[in-house]
Amino acid sequence: MDPISNVDAIVLLLRQRLMERSRALGAARADAVRSGRETMVRQDPLHALAAVGGLDDLQLGRALVESVMIEHFGARMVNEPQFQQVVDQVSETLKGEPQAAKLLQRLLGELRISPR
């Protein structure tokens, strides 16, 4: 069995978090629609980015990866060049893994259409 590198571990963590967010986002949207409060759902920075015209899936996907990593590792690292390099590496790794890329695309689509 191959050892798991730091990037692999982060990709596994992100995959888990992406699935959790995907489920939570779908549930929040369904609850908001059912209760008629669709426009009252709190806007977070990712929703704000998703609403920006001209932002492509690569940029939004990278922002999502960065957001999940900040949740896990803390905001104090966000301006570190090494942190940004890891965000880039993880984003590229997710794009290269078919199941993770499909999950990421689904989540980005839900972000773009979900209530803000």
PDB file of N, CA and C in Angstrom:
ATOM      1  N   MET A   1       0.841  -1.177   0.000  1.00  0.00           N
ATOM      2  CA  MET A   1       0.000   0.000   0.000  1.00  0.00           C
ATOM      3  C   MET A   1       0.885   1.238   0.000  1.00  0.00           C
ATOM      4  N   ASP A   2       0.547   2.226  -0.839  1.00  0.00           N
ATOM      5  CA  ASP A   2       1.318   3.459  -0.923  1.00  0.00           C
ATOM      6  C   ASP A   2       1.035   4.346   0.278  1.00  0.00           C
ATOM      7  N   PRO A   3       2.076   5.045   0.760  1.00  0.00           N
ATOM      8  CA  PRO A   3       1.833   5.977   1.853  1.00  0.00           C
ATOM      9  C   PRO A   3       0.979   7.153   1.356  1.00  0.00           C
ATOM     10  N   ILE A   4       0.223   7.730   2.265  1.00  0.00           N
ATOM     11  CA  ILE A   4      -0.633   8.861   1.912  1.00  0.00           C
ATOM     12  C   ILE A   4       0.144  10.149   2.151  1.00  0.00           C
ATOM     13  N   SER A   5       0.269  10.962   1.091  1.00  0.00           N
ATOM     14  CA  SER A   5       0.971  12.236   1.222  1.00  0.00           C
ATOM     15  C   SER A   5       0.049  13.265   1.860  1.00  0.00           C
ATOM     16  N   ASN A   6       0.626  14.411   2.219  1.00  0.00           N
ATOM     17  CA  ASN A   6      -0.180  15.480   2.808  1.00  0.00           C
ATOM     18  C   ASN A   6      -1.270  15.939   1.849  1.00  0.00           C
ATOM     19  N   VAL A   7      -0.942  16.066   0.569  1.00  0.00           N
ATOM     20  CA  VAL A   7      -1.927  16.502  -0.419  1.00  0.00           C
ATOM     21  C   VAL A   7      -3.037  15.466  -0.537  1.00  0.00           C
ATOM     22  N   ASP A   8      -2.676  14.177  -0.540  1.00  0.00           N
ATOM     23  CA  ASP A   8      -3.696  13.123  -0.601  1.00  0.00           C
ATOM     24  C   ASP A   8      -4.623  13.192   0.602  1.00  0.00           C
ATOM     25  N   ALA A   9      -4.054  13.422   1.770  1.00  0.00           N
ATOM     26  CA  ALA A   9      -4.865  13.523   2.980  1.00  0.00           C
ATOM     27  C   ALA A   9      -5.815  14.713   2.895  1.00  0.00           C
ATOM     28  N   ILE A  10      -5.328  15.831   2.369  1.00  0.00           N
ATOM     29  CA  ILE A  10      -6.171  17.012   2.228  1.00  0.00           C
ATOM     30  C   ILE A  10      -7.261  16.759   1.209  1.00  0.00           C
ATOM     31  N   VAL A  11      -6.932  16.076   0.122  1.00  0.00           N
ATOM     32  CA  VAL A  11      -7.931  15.759  -0.895  1.00  0.00           C
ATOM     33  C   VAL A  11      -9.027  14.872  -0.292  1.00  0.00           C
ATOM     34  N   LEU A  12      -8.634  13.890   0.503  1.00  0.00           N
ATOM     35  CA  LEU A  12      -9.627  13.035   1.157  1.00  0.00           C
ATOM     36  C   LEU A  12     -10.517  13.843   2.094  1.00  0.00           C
ATOM     37  N   LEU A  13      -9.908  14.725   2.862  1.00  0.00           N
ATOM     38  CA  LEU A  13     -10.673  15.584   3.760  1.00  0.00           C
ATOM     39  C   LEU A  13     -11.620  16.479   2.963  1.00  0.00           C
ATOM     40  N   LEU A  14     -11.119  17.064   1.890  1.00  0.00           N
ATOM     41  CA  LEU A  14     -11.955  17.940   1.074  1.00  0.00           C
ATOM     42  C   LEU A  14     -13.095  17.181   0.421  1.00  0.00           C
ATOM     43  N   ARG A  15     -12.825  15.993  -0.032  1.00  0.00           N
ATOM     44  CA  ARG A  15     -13.885  15.180  -0.636  1.00  0.00           C
ATOM     45  C   ARG A  15     -15.002  14.956   0.380  1.00  0.00           C
ATOM     46  N   GLN A  16     -14.624  14.628   1.608  1.00  0.00           N
ATOM     47  CA  GLN A  16     -15.612  14.423   2.665  1.00  0.00           C
ATOM     48  C   GLN A  16     -16.377  15.717   2.927  1.00  0.00           C
ATOM     49  N   ARG A  17     -15.664  16.828   3.047  1.00  0.00           N
ATOM     50  CA  ARG A  17     -16.318  18.107   3.320  1.00  0.00           C
ATOM     51  C   ARG A  17     -17.208  18.546   2.159  1.00  0.00           C
ATOM     52  N   LEU A  18     -16.764  18.293   0.927  1.00  0.00           N
ATOM     53  CA  LEU A  18     -17.579  18.647  -0.236  1.00  0.00           C
ATOM     54  C   LEU A  18     -18.892  17.871  -0.231  1.00  0.00           C
ATOM     55  N   MET A  19     -18.819  16.591   0.113  1.00  0.00           N
ATOM     56  CA  MET A  19     -20.045  15.792   0.183  1.00  0.00           C
ATOM     57  C   MET A  19     -20.949  16.310   1.297  1.00  0.00           C
ATOM     58  N   GLU A  20     -20.367  16.660   2.444  1.00  0.00           N
ATOM     59  CA  GLU A  20     -21.164  17.199   3.547  1.00  0.00           C
ATOM     60  C   GLU A  20     -21.824  18.516   3.148  1.00  0.00           C
ATOM     61  N   ARG A  21     -21.053  19.394   2.507  1.00  0.00           N
ATOM     62  CA  ARG A  21     -21.601  20.683   2.071  1.00  0.00           C
ATOM     63  C   ARG A  21     -22.677  20.498   1.016  1.00  0.00           C
ATOM     64  N   SER A  22     -22.446  19.564   0.125  1.00  0.00           N
ATOM     65  CA  SER A  22     -23.429  19.317  -0.926  1.00  0.00           C
ATOM     66  C   SER A  22     -24.754  18.891  -0.309  1.00  0.00           C
ATOM     67  N   ARG A  23     -24.697  17.989   0.654  1.00  0.00           N
ATOM     68  CA  ARG A  23     -25.921  17.542   1.330  1.00  0.00           C
ATOM     69  C   ARG A  23     -26.565  18.694   2.098  1.00  0.00           C
ATOM     70  N   ALA A  24     -25.746  19.446   2.820  1.00  0.00           N
ATOM     71  CA  ALA A  24     -26.272  20.554   3.623  1.00  0.00           C
ATOM     72  C   ALA A  24     -26.868  21.643   2.743  1.00  0.00           C
ATOM     73  N   LEU A  25     -26.215  21.944   1.640  1.00  0.00           N
ATOM     74  CA  LEU A  25     -26.713  22.973   0.731  1.00  0.00           C
ATOM     75  C   LEU A  25     -28.043  22.558   0.130  1.00  0.00           C
ATOM     76  N   GLY A  26     -28.147  21.313  -0.272  1.00  0.00           N
ATOM     77  CA  GLY A  26     -29.402  20.809  -0.827  1.00  0.00           C
ATOM     78  C   GLY A  26     -30.509  20.828   0.215  1.00  0.00           C
ATOM     79  N   ALA A  27     -30.192  20.453   1.440  1.00  0.00           N
ATOM     80  CA  ALA A  27     -31.187  20.453   2.511  1.00  0.00           C
ATOM     81  C   ALA A  27     -31.623  21.870   2.853  1.00  0.00           C
ATOM     82  N   ALA A  28     -30.677  22.812   2.910  1.00  0.00           N
ATOM     83  CA  ALA A  28     -31.017  24.205   3.226  1.00  0.00           C
ATOM     84  C   ALA A  28     -31.901  24.805   2.141  1.00  0.00           C
ATOM     85  N   ARG A  29     -31.593  24.485   0.900  1.00  0.00           N
ATOM     86  CA  ARG A  29     -32.402  25.002  -0.217  1.00  0.00           C
ATOM     87  C   ARG A  29     -33.814  24.422  -0.143  1.00  0.00           C
ATOM     88  N   ALA A  30     -33.918  23.139   0.090  1.00  0.00           N
ATOM     89  CA  ALA A  30     -35.238  22.501   0.177  1.00  0.00           C
ATOM     90  C   ALA A  30     -36.044  23.080   1.339  1.00  0.00           C
ATOM     91  N   ASP A  31     -35.403  23.277   2.499  1.00  0.00           N
ATOM     92  CA  ASP A  31     -36.095  23.855   3.653  1.00  0.00           C
ATOM     93  C   ASP A  31     -36.569  25.278   3.355  1.00  0.00           C
ATOM     94  N   ALA A  32     -35.714  26.064   2.707  1.00  0.00           N
ATOM     95  CA  ALA A  32     -36.069  27.452   2.395  1.00  0.00           C
ATOM     96  C   ALA A  32     -37.229  27.519   1.412  1.00  0.00           C
ATOM     97  N   VAL A  33     -37.215  26.644   0.420  1.00  0.00           N
ATOM     98  CA  VAL A  33     -38.296  26.629  -0.564  1.00  0.00           C
ATOM     99  C   VAL A  33     -39.601  26.199   0.097  1.00  0.00           C
ATOM    100  N   ARG A  34     -39.545  25.155   0.929  1.00  0.00           N
ATOM    101  CA  ARG A  34     -40.748  24.655   1.606  1.00  0.00           C
ATOM    102  C   ARG A  34     -41.362  25.704   2.530  1.00  0.00           C
ATOM    103  N   SER A  35     -40.513  26.456   3.209  1.00  0.00           N
ATOM    104  CA  SER A  35     -41.029  27.415   4.187  1.00  0.00           C
ATOM    105  C   SER A  35     -41.305  28.787   3.588  1.00  0.00           C
ATOM    106  N   GLY A  36     -40.971  28.977   2.322  1.00  0.00           N
ATOM    107  CA  GLY A  36     -41.214  30.267   1.685  1.00  0.00           C
ATOM    108  C   GLY A  36     -40.210  31.331   2.071  1.00  0.00           C
ATOM    109  N   ARG A  37     -39.111  30.929   2.691  1.00  0.00           N
ATOM    110  CA  ARG A  37     -38.084  31.878   3.124  1.00  0.00           C
ATOM    111  C   ARG A  37     -36.881  31.858   2.205  1.00  0.00           C
ATOM    112  N   GLU A  38     -37.059  31.493   0.987  1.00  0.00           N
ATOM    113  CA  GLU A  38     -35.937  31.292   0.078  1.00  0.00           C
ATOM    114  C   GLU A  38     -35.009  32.501   0.031  1.00  0.00           C
ATOM    115  N   THR A  39     -35.536  33.700   0.106  1.00  0.00           N
ATOM    116  CA  THR A  39     -34.687  34.882   0.004  1.00  0.00           C
ATOM    117  C   THR A  39     -34.053  35.277   1.333  1.00  0.00           C
ATOM    118  N   MET A  40     -34.427  34.574   2.423  1.00  0.00           N
ATOM    119  CA  MET A  40     -33.909  34.958   3.724  1.00  0.00           C
ATOM    120  C   MET A  40     -32.738  34.096   4.181  1.00  0.00           C
ATOM    121  N   VAL A  41     -32.246  33.202   3.338  1.00  0.00           N
ATOM    122  CA  VAL A  41     -31.111  32.373   3.716  1.00  0.00           C
ATOM    123  C   VAL A  41     -29.859  33.237   3.760  1.00  0.00           C
ATOM    124  N   ARG A  42     -29.084  33.094   4.789  1.00  0.00           N
ATOM    125  CA  ARG A  42     -27.877  33.901   4.995  1.00  0.00           C
ATOM    126  C   ARG A  42     -26.905  33.759   3.839  1.00  0.00           C
ATOM    127  N   GLN A  43     -26.358  34.889   3.399  1.00  0.00           N
ATOM    128  CA  GLN A  43     -25.386  34.866   2.312  1.00  0.00           C
ATOM    129  C   GLN A  43     -23.987  34.716   2.904  1.00  0.00           C
ATOM    130  N   ASP A  44     -23.252  33.746   2.423  1.00  0.00           N
ATOM    131  CA  ASP A  44     -21.884  33.580   2.852  1.00  0.00           C
ATOM    132  C   ASP A  44     -20.966  34.025   1.718  1.00  0.00           C
ATOM    133  N   PRO A  45     -19.675  34.132   1.976  1.00  0.00           N
ATOM    134  CA  PRO A  45     -18.757  34.616   0.937  1.00  0.00           C
ATOM    135  C   PRO A  45     -18.772  33.762  -0.336  1.00  0.00           C
ATOM    136  N   LEU A  46     -18.949  32.450  -0.209  1.00  0.00           N
ATOM    137  CA  LEU A  46     -18.985  31.605  -1.404  1.00  0.00           C
ATOM    138  C   LEU A  46     -20.218  31.902  -2.254  1.00  0.00           C
ATOM    139  N   HIS A  47     -21.352  32.139  -1.612  1.00  0.00           N
ATOM    140  CA  HIS A  47     -22.550  32.505  -2.361  1.00  0.00           C
ATOM    141  C   HIS A  47     -22.353  33.851  -3.058  1.00  0.00           C
ATOM    142  N   ALA A  48     -21.692  34.763  -2.363  1.00  0.00           N
ATOM    143  CA  ALA A  48     -21.419  36.068  -2.966  1.00  0.00           C
ATOM    144  C   ALA A  48     -20.526  35.910  -4.189  1.00  0.00           C
ATOM    145  N   LEU A  49     -19.504  35.081  -4.079  1.00  0.00           N
ATOM    146  CA  LEU A  49     -18.625  34.830  -5.228  1.00  0.00           C
ATOM    147  C   LEU A  49     -19.381  34.151  -6.362  1.00  0.00           C
ATOM    148  N   ALA A  50     -20.235  33.206  -6.006  1.00  0.00           N
ATOM    149  CA  ALA A  50     -20.994  32.486  -7.031  1.00  0.00           C
ATOM    150  C   ALA A  50     -21.909  33.429  -7.793  1.00  0.00           C
ATOM    151  N   ALA A  51     -22.345  34.496  -7.134  1.00  0.00           N
ATOM    152  CA  ALA A  51     -23.254  35.451  -7.774  1.00  0.00           C
ATOM    153  C   ALA A  51     -22.526  36.429  -8.690  1.00  0.00           C
ATOM    154  N   VAL A  52     -21.210  36.494  -8.573  1.00  0.00           N
ATOM    155  CA  VAL A  52     -20.436  37.422  -9.397  1.00  0.00           C
ATOM    156  C   VAL A  52     -20.424  36.919 -10.833  1.00  0.00           C
ATOM    157  N   GLY A  53     -20.831  37.773 -11.738  1.00  0.00           N
ATOM    158  CA  GLY A  53     -20.806  37.403 -13.149  1.00  0.00           C
ATOM    159  C   GLY A  53     -19.380  37.304 -13.656  1.00  0.00           C
ATOM    160  N   GLY A  54     -19.142  36.373 -14.540  1.00  0.00           N
ATOM    161  CA  GLY A  54     -17.824  36.229 -15.148  1.00  0.00           C
ATOM    162  C   GLY A  54     -16.838  35.385 -14.359  1.00  0.00           C
ATOM    163  N   LEU A  55     -17.226  34.916 -13.198  1.00  0.00           N
ATOM    164  CA  LEU A  55     -16.345  34.064 -12.402  1.00  0.00           C
ATOM    165  C   LEU A  55     -16.529  32.633 -12.881  1.00  0.00           C
ATOM    166  N   ASP A  56     -15.459  32.038 -13.376  1.00  0.00           N
ATOM    167  CA  ASP A  56     -15.595  30.686 -13.922  1.00  0.00           C
ATOM    168  C   ASP A  56     -15.508  29.623 -12.834  1.00  0.00           C
ATOM    169  N   ASP A  57     -15.801  28.385 -13.230  1.00  0.00           N
ATOM    170  CA  ASP A  57     -15.819  27.277 -12.273  1.00  0.00           C
ATOM    171  C   ASP A  57     -14.452  27.022 -11.648  1.00  0.00           C
ATOM    172  N   LEU A  58     -13.383  27.272 -12.384  1.00  0.00           N
ATOM    173  CA  LEU A  58     -12.044  27.061 -11.818  1.00  0.00           C
ATOM    174  C   LEU A  58     -11.803  28.012 -10.651  1.00  0.00           C
ATOM    175  N   GLN A  59     -12.177  29.283 -10.831  1.00  0.00           N
ATOM    176  CA  GLN A  59     -11.972  30.273  -9.778  1.00  0.00           C
ATOM    177  C   GLN A  59     -12.880  30.001  -8.581  1.00  0.00           C
ATOM    178  N   LEU A  60     -14.134  29.690  -8.857  1.00  0.00           N
ATOM    179  CA  LEU A  60     -15.067  29.403  -7.770  1.00  0.00           C
ATOM    180  C   LEU A  60     -14.678  28.108  -7.056  1.00  0.00           C
ATOM    181  N   GLY A  61     -14.240  27.111  -7.811  1.00  0.00           N
ATOM    182  CA  GLY A  61     -13.798  25.852  -7.210  1.00  0.00           C
ATOM    183  C   GLY A  61     -12.602  26.054  -6.305  1.00  0.00           C
ATOM    184  N   ARG A  62     -11.669  26.893  -6.758  1.00  0.00           N
ATOM    185  CA  ARG A  62     -10.491  27.185  -5.945  1.00  0.00           C
ATOM    186  C   ARG A  62     -10.913  27.904  -4.659  1.00  0.00           C
ATOM    187  N   ALA A  63     -11.848  28.829  -4.775  1.00  0.00           N
ATOM    188  CA  ALA A  63     -12.341  29.544  -3.592  1.00  0.00           C
ATOM    189  C   ALA A  63     -13.014  28.581  -2.620  1.00  0.00           C
ATOM    190  N   LEU A  64     -13.727  27.608  -3.152  1.00  0.00           N
ATOM    191  CA  LEU A  64     -14.374  26.611  -2.303  1.00  0.00           C
ATOM    192  C   LEU A  64     -13.333  25.767  -1.579  1.00  0.00           C
ATOM    193  N   VAL A  65     -12.328  25.329  -2.306  1.00  0.00           N
ATOM    194  CA  VAL A  65     -11.246  24.544  -1.690  1.00  0.00           C
ATOM    195  C   VAL A  65     -10.574  25.366  -0.594  1.00  0.00           C
ATOM    196  N   GLU A  66     -10.277  26.609  -0.908  1.00  0.00           N
ATOM    197  CA  GLU A  66      -9.636  27.481   0.077  1.00  0.00           C
ATOM    198  C   GLU A  66     -10.521  27.653   1.312  1.00  0.00           C
ATOM    199  N   SER A  67     -11.814  27.824   1.097  1.00  0.00           N
ATOM    200  CA  SER A  67     -12.761  27.984   2.199  1.00  0.00           C
ATOM    201  C   SER A  67     -12.774  26.759   3.113  1.00  0.00           C
ATOM    202  N   VAL A  68     -12.810  25.584   2.517  1.00  0.00           N
ATOM    203  CA  VAL A  68     -12.819  24.352   3.315  1.00  0.00           C
ATOM    204  C   VAL A  68     -11.507  24.207   4.080  1.00  0.00           C
ATOM    205  N   MET A  69     -10.404  24.542   3.421  1.00  0.00           N
ATOM    206  CA  MET A  69      -9.106  24.435   4.101  1.00  0.00           C
ATOM    207  C   MET A  69      -8.993  25.447   5.239  1.00  0.00           C
ATOM    208  N   ILE A  70      -9.541  26.637   5.043  1.00  0.00           N
ATOM    209  CA  ILE A  70      -9.522  27.641   6.108  1.00  0.00           C
ATOM    210  C   ILE A  70     -10.349  27.160   7.294  1.00  0.00           C
ATOM    211  N   GLU A  71     -11.499  26.545   7.009  1.00  0.00           N
ATOM    212  CA  GLU A  71     -12.320  25.984   8.092  1.00  0.00           C
ATOM    213  C   GLU A  71     -11.532  24.969   8.904  1.00  0.00           C
ATOM    214  N   HIS A  72     -10.741  24.157   8.203  1.00  0.00           N
ATOM    215  CA  HIS A  72     -10.019  23.084   8.878  1.00  0.00           C
ATOM    216  C   HIS A  72      -8.733  23.567   9.554  1.00  0.00           C
ATOM    217  N   PHE A  73      -7.969  24.415   8.854  1.00  0.00           N
ATOM    218  CA  PHE A  73      -6.644  24.804   9.348  1.00  0.00           C
ATOM    219  C   PHE A  73      -6.612  26.170  10.023  1.00  0.00           C
ATOM    220  N   GLY A  74      -7.645  26.971   9.857  1.00  0.00           N
ATOM    221  CA  GLY A  74      -7.686  28.298  10.465  1.00  0.00           C
ATOM    222  C   GLY A  74      -7.306  29.393   9.485  1.00  0.00           C
ATOM    223  N   ALA A  75      -7.823  30.570   9.720  1.00  0.00           N
ATOM    224  CA  ALA A  75      -7.639  31.700   8.812  1.00  0.00           C
ATOM    225  C   ALA A  75      -6.252  32.318   8.900  1.00  0.00           C
ATOM    226  N   ARG A  76      -5.522  32.042   9.933  1.00  0.00           N
ATOM    227  CA  ARG A  76      -4.214  32.684  10.095  1.00  0.00           C
ATOM    228  C   ARG A  76      -3.234  32.303   8.991  1.00  0.00           C
ATOM    229  N   MET A  77      -3.486  31.186   8.312  1.00  0.00           N
ATOM    230  CA  MET A  77      -2.559  30.709   7.281  1.00  0.00           C
ATOM    231  C   MET A  77      -2.899  31.206   5.876  1.00  0.00           C
ATOM    232  N   VAL A  78      -4.028  31.854   5.709  1.00  0.00           N
ATOM    233  CA  VAL A  78      -4.545  32.152   4.384  1.00  0.00           C
ATOM    234  C   VAL A  78      -3.574  32.981   3.534  1.00  0.00           C
ATOM    235  N   ASN A  79      -2.782  33.838   4.127  1.00  0.00           N
ATOM    236  CA  ASN A  79      -1.871  34.693   3.370  1.00  0.00           C
ATOM    237  C   ASN A  79      -0.480  34.091   3.175  1.00  0.00           C
ATOM    238  N   GLU A  80      -0.280  32.902   3.686  1.00  0.00           N
ATOM    239  CA  GLU A  80       1.018  32.238   3.534  1.00  0.00           C
ATOM    240  C   GLU A  80       1.148  31.669   2.129  1.00  0.00           C
ATOM    241  N   PRO A  81       2.267  31.914   1.454  1.00  0.00           N
ATOM    242  CA  PRO A  81       2.446  31.379   0.097  1.00  0.00           C
ATOM    243  C   PRO A  81       2.333  29.857   0.034  1.00  0.00           C
ATOM    244  N   GLN A  82       2.832  29.164   1.055  1.00  0.00           N
ATOM    245  CA  GLN A  82       2.758  27.708   1.068  1.00  0.00           C
ATOM    246  C   GLN A  82       1.313  27.235   1.136  1.00  0.00           C
ATOM    247  N   PHE A  83       0.491  27.938   1.893  1.00  0.00           N
ATOM    248  CA  PHE A  83      -0.928  27.599   1.999  1.00  0.00           C
ATOM    249  C   PHE A  83      -1.585  27.749   0.629  1.00  0.00           C
ATOM    250  N   GLN A  84      -1.298  28.831  -0.050  1.00  0.00           N
ATOM    251  CA  GLN A  84      -1.876  29.063  -1.370  1.00  0.00           C
ATOM    252  C   GLN A  84      -1.388  28.016  -2.385  1.00  0.00           C
ATOM    253  N   GLN A  85      -0.150  27.590  -2.250  1.00  0.00           N
ATOM    254  CA  GLN A  85       0.360  26.527  -3.116  1.00  0.00           C
ATOM    255  C   GLN A  85      -0.395  25.223  -2.875  1.00  0.00           C
ATOM    256  N   VAL A  86      -0.658  24.910  -1.625  1.00  0.00           N
ATOM    257  CA  VAL A  86      -1.408  23.696  -1.304  1.00  0.00           C
ATOM    258  C   VAL A  86      -2.832  23.800  -1.841  1.00  0.00           C
ATOM    259  N   VAL A  87      -3.447  24.976  -1.720  1.00  0.00           N
ATOM    260  CA  VAL A  87      -4.782  25.178  -2.285  1.00  0.00           C
ATOM    261  C   VAL A  87      -4.754  24.896  -3.786  1.00  0.00           C
ATOM    262  N   ASP A  88      -3.745  25.415  -4.466  1.00  0.00           N
ATOM    263  CA  ASP A  88      -3.603  25.163  -5.912  1.00  0.00           C
ATOM    264  C   ASP A  88      -3.428  23.675  -6.206  1.00  0.00           C
ATOM    265  N   GLN A  89      -2.565  23.013  -5.444  1.00  0.00           N
ATOM    266  CA  GLN A  89      -2.310  21.591  -5.666  1.00  0.00           C
ATOM    267  C   GLN A  89      -3.563  20.753  -5.418  1.00  0.00           C
ATOM    268  N   VAL A  90      -4.263  21.061  -4.359  1.00  0.00           N
ATOM    269  CA  VAL A  90      -5.476  20.303  -4.028  1.00  0.00           C
ATOM    270  C   VAL A  90      -6.538  20.545  -5.091  1.00  0.00           C
ATOM    271  N   SER A  91      -6.678  21.791  -5.539  1.00  0.00           N
ATOM    272  CA  SER A  91      -7.650  22.108  -6.592  1.00  0.00           C
ATOM    273  C   SER A  91      -7.336  21.322  -7.867  1.00  0.00           C
ATOM    274  N   GLU A  92      -6.080  21.265  -8.235  1.00  0.00           N
ATOM    275  CA  GLU A  92      -5.669  20.509  -9.423  1.00  0.00           C
ATOM    276  C   GLU A  92      -5.905  19.014  -9.239  1.00  0.00           C
ATOM    277  N   THR A  93      -5.614  18.511  -8.045  1.00  0.00           N
ATOM    278  CA  THR A  93      -5.816  17.089  -7.767  1.00  0.00           C
ATOM    279  C   THR A  93      -7.293  16.734  -7.849  1.00  0.00           C
ATOM    280  N   LEU A  94      -8.150  17.593  -7.300  1.00  0.00           N
ATOM    281  CA  LEU A  94      -9.590  17.344  -7.368  1.00  0.00           C
ATOM    282  C   LEU A  94     -10.080  17.335  -8.806  1.00  0.00           C
ATOM    283  N   LYS A  95      -9.568  18.239  -9.619  1.00  0.00           N
ATOM    284  CA  LYS A  95      -9.962  18.279 -11.031  1.00  0.00           C
ATOM    285  C   LYS A  95      -9.536  17.008 -11.753  1.00  0.00           C
ATOM    286  N   GLY A  96      -8.415  16.431 -11.343  1.00  0.00           N
ATOM    287  CA  GLY A  96      -7.879  15.255 -12.006  1.00  0.00           C
ATOM    288  C   GLY A  96      -8.498  13.940 -11.580  1.00  0.00           C
ATOM    289  N   GLU A  97      -9.266  13.958 -10.518  1.00  0.00           N
ATOM    290  CA  GLU A  97      -9.909  12.744 -10.017  1.00  0.00           C
ATOM    291  C   GLU A  97     -11.386  12.792 -10.425  1.00  0.00           C
ATOM    292  N   PRO A  98     -11.807  11.894 -11.322  1.00  0.00           N
ATOM    293  CA  PRO A  98     -13.152  11.989 -11.906  1.00  0.00           C
ATOM    294  C   PRO A  98     -14.300  12.113 -10.905  1.00  0.00           C
ATOM    295  N   GLN A  99     -14.313  11.301  -9.878  1.00  0.00           N
ATOM    296  CA  GLN A  99     -15.418  11.363  -8.916  1.00  0.00           C
ATOM    297  C   GLN A  99     -15.406  12.674  -8.138  1.00  0.00           C
ATOM    298  N   ALA A 100     -14.225  13.101  -7.727  1.00  0.00           N
ATOM    299  CA  ALA A 100     -14.121  14.359  -6.988  1.00  0.00           C
ATOM    300  C   ALA A 100     -14.484  15.537  -7.885  1.00  0.00           C
ATOM    301  N   ALA A 101     -14.058  15.499  -9.138  1.00  0.00           N
ATOM    302  CA  ALA A 101     -14.374  16.579 -10.080  1.00  0.00           C
ATOM    303  C   ALA A 101     -15.879  16.661 -10.314  1.00  0.00           C
ATOM    304  N   LYS A 102     -16.528  15.521 -10.421  1.00  0.00           N
ATOM    305  CA  LYS A 102     -17.975  15.487 -10.624  1.00  0.00           C
ATOM    306  C   LYS A 102     -18.693  16.061  -9.403  1.00  0.00           C
ATOM    307  N   LEU A 103     -18.259  15.670  -8.214  1.00  0.00           N
ATOM    308  CA  LEU A 103     -18.838  16.183  -6.980  1.00  0.00           C
ATOM    309  C   LEU A 103     -18.620  17.690  -6.875  1.00  0.00           C
ATOM    310  N   LEU A 104     -17.434  18.154  -7.204  1.00  0.00           N
ATOM    311  CA  LEU A 104     -17.128  19.579  -7.156  1.00  0.00           C
ATOM    312  C   LEU A 104     -18.007  20.354  -8.134  1.00  0.00           C
ATOM    313  N   GLN A 105     -18.171  19.837  -9.347  1.00  0.00           N
ATOM    314  CA  GLN A 105     -19.025  20.497 -10.335  1.00  0.00           C
ATOM    315  C   GLN A 105     -20.471  20.570  -9.844  1.00  0.00           C
ATOM    316  N   ARG A 106     -20.956  19.501  -9.250  1.00  0.00           N
ATOM    317  CA  ARG A 106     -22.323  19.496  -8.727  1.00  0.00           C
ATOM    318  C   ARG A 106     -22.483  20.537  -7.628  1.00  0.00           C
ATOM    319  N   LEU A 107     -21.513  20.596  -6.743  1.00  0.00           N
ATOM    320  CA  LEU A 107     -21.573  21.551  -5.655  1.00  0.00           C
ATOM    321  C   LEU A 107     -21.494  22.986  -6.173  1.00  0.00           C
ATOM    322  N   LEU A 108     -20.657  23.236  -7.157  1.00  0.00           N
ATOM    323  CA  LEU A 108     -20.562  24.578  -7.732  1.00  0.00           C
ATOM    324  C   LEU A 108     -21.872  24.972  -8.394  1.00  0.00           C
ATOM    325  N   GLY A 109     -22.496  24.023  -9.068  1.00  0.00           N
ATOM    326  CA  GLY A 109     -23.795  24.296  -9.673  1.00  0.00           C
ATOM    327  C   GLY A 109     -24.837  24.641  -8.620  1.00  0.00           C
ATOM    328  N   GLU A 110     -24.828  23.914  -7.516  1.00  0.00           N
ATOM    329  CA  GLU A 110     -25.768  24.184  -6.433  1.00  0.00           C
ATOM    330  C   GLU A 110     -25.485  25.547  -5.788  1.00  0.00           C
ATOM    331  N   LEU A 111     -24.218  25.890  -5.672  1.00  0.00           N
ATOM    332  CA  LEU A 111     -23.858  27.200  -5.130  1.00  0.00           C
ATOM    333  C   LEU A 111     -24.401  28.318  -6.007  1.00  0.00           C
ATOM    334  N   ARG A 112     -24.289  28.134  -7.306  1.00  0.00           N
ATOM    335  CA  ARG A 112     -24.733  29.176  -8.243  1.00  0.00           C
ATOM    336  C   ARG A 112     -26.243  29.351  -8.232  1.00  0.00           C
ATOM    337  N   ILE A 113     -27.009  28.274  -7.982  1.00  0.00           N
ATOM    338  CA  ILE A 113     -28.465  28.400  -8.037  1.00  0.00           C
ATOM    339  C   ILE A 113     -29.127  28.450  -6.667  1.00  0.00           C
ATOM    340  N   SER A 114     -28.350  28.246  -5.611  1.00  0.00           N
ATOM    341  CA  SER A 114     -28.945  28.198  -4.270  1.00  0.00           C
ATOM    342  C   SER A 114     -29.348  29.590  -3.810  1.00  0.00           C
ATOM    343  N   PRO A 115     -30.219  29.627  -2.826  1.00  0.00           N
ATOM    344  CA  PRO A 115     -30.642  30.926  -2.293  1.00  0.00           C
ATOM    345  C   PRO A 115     -29.465  31.664  -1.676  1.00  0.00           C
ATOM    346  N   ARG A 116     -29.510  32.951  -1.767  1.00  0.00           N
ATOM    347  CA  ARG A 116     -28.436  33.774  -1.233  1.00  0.00           C
ATOM    348  C   ARG A 116     -28.923  34.454  -0.011  1.00  0.00           C
TER     349      ARG A 116
END
